Amino acid sequence: MTQFPLKINFRKLPKDPNMFEFTIATPALRSQFILPRQAVNNLRGAIEKALLDK
């Protein structure tokens, strides 16, 4: 399987503590998302479930 660099960053927006900015970057593509706190919590739960499921 070929590996490629992937960089993921996130931060809380300074003007609204309930909004978060996610940036996902590869050498060929960069995507940016602004998500509300509820979506971030749902995403966190989905990631934890995927990591813990066998």
PDB file of N, CA and C in Angstrom:
ATOM      1  N   MET A   1       0.839  -1.176   0.000  1.00  0.00           N
ATOM      2  CA  MET A   1       0.000   0.000   0.000  1.00  0.00           C
ATOM      3  C   MET A   1       0.888   1.245   0.000  1.00  0.00           C
ATOM      4  N   THR A   2       0.620   2.155  -0.871  1.00  0.00           N
ATOM      5  CA  THR A   2       1.397   3.371  -0.971  1.00  0.00           C
ATOM      6  C   THR A   2       0.928   4.389   0.068  1.00  0.00           C
ATOM      7  N   GLN A   3       1.896   5.022   0.724  1.00  0.00           N
ATOM      8  CA  GLN A   3       1.563   6.062   1.690  1.00  0.00           C
ATOM      9  C   GLN A   3       1.857   7.427   1.091  1.00  0.00           C
ATOM     10  N   PHE A   4       1.076   8.403   1.459  1.00  0.00           N
ATOM     11  CA  PHE A   4       1.308   9.767   1.010  1.00  0.00           C
ATOM     12  C   PHE A   4       1.095  10.703   2.195  1.00  0.00           C
ATOM     13  N   PRO A   5       1.742  11.869   2.158  1.00  0.00           N
ATOM     14  CA  PRO A   5       1.599  12.789   3.287  1.00  0.00           C
ATOM     15  C   PRO A   5       0.175  13.329   3.414  1.00  0.00           C
ATOM     16  N   LEU A   6      -0.309  13.331   4.622  1.00  0.00           N
ATOM     17  CA  LEU A   6      -1.643  13.853   4.922  1.00  0.00           C
ATOM     18  C   LEU A   6      -1.516  14.690   6.181  1.00  0.00           C
ATOM     19  N   LYS A   7      -1.976  15.928   6.122  1.00  0.00           N
ATOM     20  CA  LYS A   7      -1.901  16.821   7.270  1.00  0.00           C
ATOM     21  C   LYS A   7      -3.313  17.263   7.631  1.00  0.00           C
ATOM     22  N   ILE A   8      -3.654  17.101   8.912  1.00  0.00           N
ATOM     23  CA  ILE A   8      -4.972  17.488   9.408  1.00  0.00           C
ATOM     24  C   ILE A   8      -4.781  18.499  10.536  1.00  0.00           C
ATOM     25  N   ASN A   9      -5.425  19.635  10.424  1.00  0.00           N
ATOM     26  CA  ASN A   9      -5.383  20.672  11.457  1.00  0.00           C
ATOM     27  C   ASN A   9      -6.802  21.062  11.831  1.00  0.00           C
ATOM     28  N   PHE A  10      -6.974  21.470  13.072  1.00  0.00           N
ATOM     29  CA  PHE A  10      -8.262  22.021  13.478  1.00  0.00           C
ATOM     30  C   PHE A  10      -8.040  23.089  14.536  1.00  0.00           C
ATOM     31  N   ARG A  11      -8.981  24.022  14.575  1.00  0.00           N
ATOM     32  CA  ARG A  11      -8.904  25.089  15.573  1.00  0.00           C
ATOM     33  C   ARG A  11     -10.302  25.613  15.859  1.00  0.00           C
ATOM     34  N   LYS A  12     -10.446  26.154  17.050  1.00  0.00           N
ATOM     35  CA  LYS A  12     -11.697  26.811  17.436  1.00  0.00           C
ATOM     36  C   LYS A  12     -11.665  28.214  16.843  1.00  0.00           C
ATOM     37  N   LEU A  13     -12.754  28.656  16.256  1.00  0.00           N
ATOM     38  CA  LEU A  13     -12.795  29.996  15.690  1.00  0.00           C
ATOM     39  C   LEU A  13     -12.855  31.026  16.816  1.00  0.00           C
ATOM     40  N   PRO A  14     -12.028  32.060  16.733  1.00  0.00           N
ATOM     41  CA  PRO A  14     -11.950  33.024  17.832  1.00  0.00           C
ATOM     42  C   PRO A  14     -13.235  33.819  18.070  1.00  0.00           C
ATOM     43  N   LYS A  15     -14.020  34.067  17.046  1.00  0.00           N
ATOM     44  CA  LYS A  15     -15.232  34.881  17.213  1.00  0.00           C
ATOM     45  C   LYS A  15     -16.437  34.071  17.706  1.00  0.00           C
ATOM     46  N   ASP A  16     -16.371  32.743  17.570  1.00  0.00           N
ATOM     47  CA  ASP A  16     -17.491  31.899  17.997  1.00  0.00           C
ATOM     48  C   ASP A  16     -16.943  30.597  18.567  1.00  0.00           C
ATOM     49  N   PRO A  17     -16.969  30.414  19.878  1.00  0.00           N
ATOM     50  CA  PRO A  17     -16.383  29.210  20.489  1.00  0.00           C
ATOM     51  C   PRO A  17     -17.139  27.919  20.163  1.00  0.00           C
ATOM     52  N   ASN A  18     -18.280  28.016  19.501  1.00  0.00           N
ATOM     53  CA  ASN A  18     -19.027  26.817  19.125  1.00  0.00           C
ATOM     54  C   ASN A  18     -18.818  26.421  17.661  1.00  0.00           C
ATOM     55  N   MET A  19     -17.855  27.058  16.990  1.00  0.00           N
ATOM     56  CA  MET A  19     -17.539  26.735  15.594  1.00  0.00           C
ATOM     57  C   MET A  19     -16.063  26.359  15.497  1.00  0.00           C
ATOM     58  N   PHE A  20     -15.780  25.345  14.654  1.00  0.00           N
ATOM     59  CA  PHE A  20     -14.429  24.834  14.500  1.00  0.00           C
ATOM     60  C   PHE A  20     -14.069  24.771  13.024  1.00  0.00           C
ATOM     61  N   GLU A  21     -12.802  25.052  12.727  1.00  0.00           N
ATOM     62  CA  GLU A  21     -12.297  24.992  11.360  1.00  0.00           C
ATOM     63  C   GLU A  21     -11.384  23.771  11.237  1.00  0.00           C
ATOM     64  N   PHE A  22     -11.680  22.912  10.280  1.00  0.00           N
ATOM     65  CA  PHE A  22     -10.853  21.746   9.979  1.00  0.00           C
ATOM     66  C   PHE A  22     -10.221  21.946   8.616  1.00  0.00           C
ATOM     67  N   THR A  23      -8.930  21.646   8.511  1.00  0.00           N
ATOM     68  CA  THR A  23      -8.229  21.697   7.240  1.00  0.00           C
ATOM     69  C   THR A  23      -7.542  20.354   7.032  1.00  0.00           C
ATOM     70  N   ILE A  24      -7.785  19.744   5.880  1.00  0.00           N
ATOM     71  CA  ILE A  24      -7.163  18.479   5.498  1.00  0.00           C
ATOM     72  C   ILE A  24      -6.381  18.745   4.226  1.00  0.00           C
ATOM     73  N   ALA A  25      -5.065  18.439   4.256  1.00  0.00           N
ATOM     74  CA  ALA A  25      -4.226  18.771   3.110  1.00  0.00           C
ATOM     75  C   ALA A  25      -3.363  17.584   2.688  1.00  0.00           C
ATOM     76  N   THR A  26      -3.268  17.386   1.388  1.00  0.00           N
ATOM     77  CA  THR A  26      -2.341  16.450   0.765  1.00  0.00           C
ATOM     78  C   THR A  26      -1.552  17.257  -0.260  1.00  0.00           C
ATOM     79  N   PRO A  27      -0.540  16.677  -0.867  1.00  0.00           N
ATOM     80  CA  PRO A  27       0.182  17.440  -1.896  1.00  0.00           C
ATOM     81  C   PRO A  27      -0.713  17.884  -3.063  1.00  0.00           C
ATOM     82  N   ALA A  28      -1.787  17.149  -3.330  1.00  0.00           N
ATOM     83  CA  ALA A  28      -2.625  17.464  -4.489  1.00  0.00           C
ATOM     84  C   ALA A  28      -3.933  18.175  -4.153  1.00  0.00           C
ATOM     85  N   LEU A  29      -4.342  18.159  -2.885  1.00  0.00           N
ATOM     86  CA  LEU A  29      -5.664  18.674  -2.547  1.00  0.00           C
ATOM     87  C   LEU A  29      -5.667  19.269  -1.142  1.00  0.00           C
ATOM     88  N   ARG A  30      -6.421  20.342  -0.972  1.00  0.00           N
ATOM     89  CA  ARG A  30      -6.615  20.954   0.349  1.00  0.00           C
ATOM     90  C   ARG A  30      -8.102  21.241   0.504  1.00  0.00           C
ATOM     91  N   SER A  31      -8.686  20.735   1.601  1.00  0.00           N
ATOM     92  CA  SER A  31     -10.101  20.962   1.886  1.00  0.00           C
ATOM     93  C   SER A  31     -10.235  21.624   3.246  1.00  0.00           C
ATOM     94  N   GLN A  32     -11.166  22.558   3.329  1.00  0.00           N
ATOM     95  CA  GLN A  32     -11.392  23.287   4.573  1.00  0.00           C
ATOM     96  C   GLN A  32     -12.877  23.208   4.906  1.00  0.00           C
ATOM     97  N   PHE A  33     -13.165  22.919   6.181  1.00  0.00           N
ATOM     98  CA  PHE A  33     -14.540  22.807   6.645  1.00  0.00           C
ATOM     99  C   PHE A  33     -14.708  23.661   7.886  1.00  0.00           C
ATOM    100  N   ILE A  34     -15.845  24.308   8.023  1.00  0.00           N
ATOM    101  CA  ILE A  34     -16.210  24.990   9.258  1.00  0.00           C
ATOM    102  C   ILE A  34     -17.445  24.266   9.787  1.00  0.00           C
ATOM    103  N   LEU A  35     -17.293  23.710  10.995  1.00  0.00           N
ATOM    104  CA  LEU A  35     -18.329  22.853  11.558  1.00  0.00           C
ATOM    105  C   LEU A  35     -18.770  23.358  12.926  1.00  0.00           C
ATOM    106  N   PRO A  36     -20.066  23.211  13.249  1.00  0.00           N
ATOM    107  CA  PRO A  36     -20.532  23.568  14.590  1.00  0.00           C
ATOM    108  C   PRO A  36     -20.109  22.502  15.603  1.00  0.00           C
ATOM    109  N   ARG A  37     -20.137  22.868  16.866  1.00  0.00           N
ATOM    110  CA  ARG A  37     -19.710  21.964  17.942  1.00  0.00           C
ATOM    111  C   ARG A  37     -20.435  20.609  17.881  1.00  0.00           C
ATOM    112  N   GLN A  38     -21.730  20.595  17.612  1.00  0.00           N
ATOM    113  CA  GLN A  38     -22.485  19.332  17.563  1.00  0.00           C
ATOM    114  C   GLN A  38     -21.940  18.402  16.475  1.00  0.00           C
ATOM    115  N   ALA A  39     -21.592  18.938  15.316  1.00  0.00           N
ATOM    116  CA  ALA A  39     -21.030  18.111  14.244  1.00  0.00           C
ATOM    117  C   ALA A  39     -19.656  17.571  14.646  1.00  0.00           C
ATOM    118  N   VAL A  40     -18.864  18.383  15.341  1.00  0.00           N
ATOM    119  CA  VAL A  40     -17.548  17.929  15.810  1.00  0.00           C
ATOM    120  C   VAL A  40     -17.720  16.789  16.816  1.00  0.00           C
ATOM    121  N   ASN A  41     -18.689  16.917  17.712  1.00  0.00           N
ATOM    122  CA  ASN A  41     -18.949  15.842  18.682  1.00  0.00           C
ATOM    123  C   ASN A  41     -19.400  14.566  17.978  1.00  0.00           C
ATOM    124  N   ASN A  42     -20.261  14.688  16.967  1.00  0.00           N
ATOM    125  CA  ASN A  42     -20.693  13.509  16.208  1.00  0.00           C
ATOM    126  C   ASN A  42     -19.526  12.870  15.472  1.00  0.00           C
ATOM    127  N   LEU A  43     -18.668  13.693  14.898  1.00  0.00           N
ATOM    128  CA  LEU A  43     -17.490  13.191  14.193  1.00  0.00           C
ATOM    129  C   LEU A  43     -16.549  12.472  15.152  1.00  0.00           C
ATOM    130  N   ARG A  44     -16.329  13.062  16.309  1.00  0.00           N
ATOM    131  CA  ARG A  44     -15.462  12.439  17.317  1.00  0.00           C
ATOM    132  C   ARG A  44     -16.008  11.070  17.722  1.00  0.00           C
ATOM    133  N   GLY A  45     -17.315  10.995  17.958  1.00  0.00           N
ATOM    134  CA  GLY A  45     -17.928   9.713  18.318  1.00  0.00           C
ATOM    135  C   GLY A  45     -17.784   8.678  17.224  1.00  0.00           C
ATOM    136  N   ALA A  46     -17.965   9.088  15.969  1.00  0.00           N
ATOM    137  CA  ALA A  46     -17.836   8.155  14.848  1.00  0.00           C
ATOM    138  C   ALA A  46     -16.398   7.652  14.703  1.00  0.00           C
ATOM    139  N   ILE A  47     -15.423   8.539  14.915  1.00  0.00           N
ATOM    140  CA  ILE A  47     -14.015   8.129  14.827  1.00  0.00           C
ATOM    141  C   ILE A  47     -13.674   7.157  15.952  1.00  0.00           C
ATOM    142  N   GLU A  48     -14.105   7.477  17.171  1.00  0.00           N
ATOM    143  CA  GLU A  48     -13.844   6.573  18.297  1.00  0.00           C
ATOM    144  C   GLU A  48     -14.479   5.213  18.075  1.00  0.00           C
ATOM    145  N   LYS A  49     -15.695   5.174  17.563  1.00  0.00           N
ATOM    146  CA  LYS A  49     -16.378   3.903  17.298  1.00  0.00           C
ATOM    147  C   LYS A  49     -15.616   3.096  16.257  1.00  0.00           C
ATOM    148  N   ALA A  50     -15.174   3.748  15.178  1.00  0.00           N
ATOM    149  CA  ALA A  50     -14.447   3.058  14.133  1.00  0.00           C
ATOM    150  C   ALA A  50     -13.111   2.510  14.654  1.00  0.00           C
ATOM    151  N   LEU A  51     -12.444   3.252  15.530  1.00  0.00           N
ATOM    152  CA  LEU A  51     -11.162   2.799  16.062  1.00  0.00           C
ATOM    153  C   LEU A  51     -11.309   1.654  17.036  1.00  0.00           C
ATOM    154  N   LEU A  52     -12.426   1.621  17.772  1.00  0.00           N
ATOM    155  CA  LEU A  52     -12.614   0.610  18.802  1.00  0.00           C
ATOM    156  C   LEU A  52     -13.295  -0.650  18.301  1.00  0.00           C
ATOM    157  N   ASP A  53     -14.056  -0.568  17.203  1.00  0.00           N
ATOM    158  CA  ASP A  53     -14.723  -1.749  16.659  1.00  0.00           C
ATOM    159  C   ASP A  53     -13.697  -2.706  16.066  1.00  0.00           C
ATOM    160  N   LYS A  54     -13.988  -3.979  16.226  1.00  0.00           N
ATOM    161  CA  LYS A  54     -13.085  -4.999  15.672  1.00  0.00           C
ATOM    162  C   LYS A  54     -13.596  -5.508  14.362  1.00  0.00           C
TER     163      LYS A  54
END
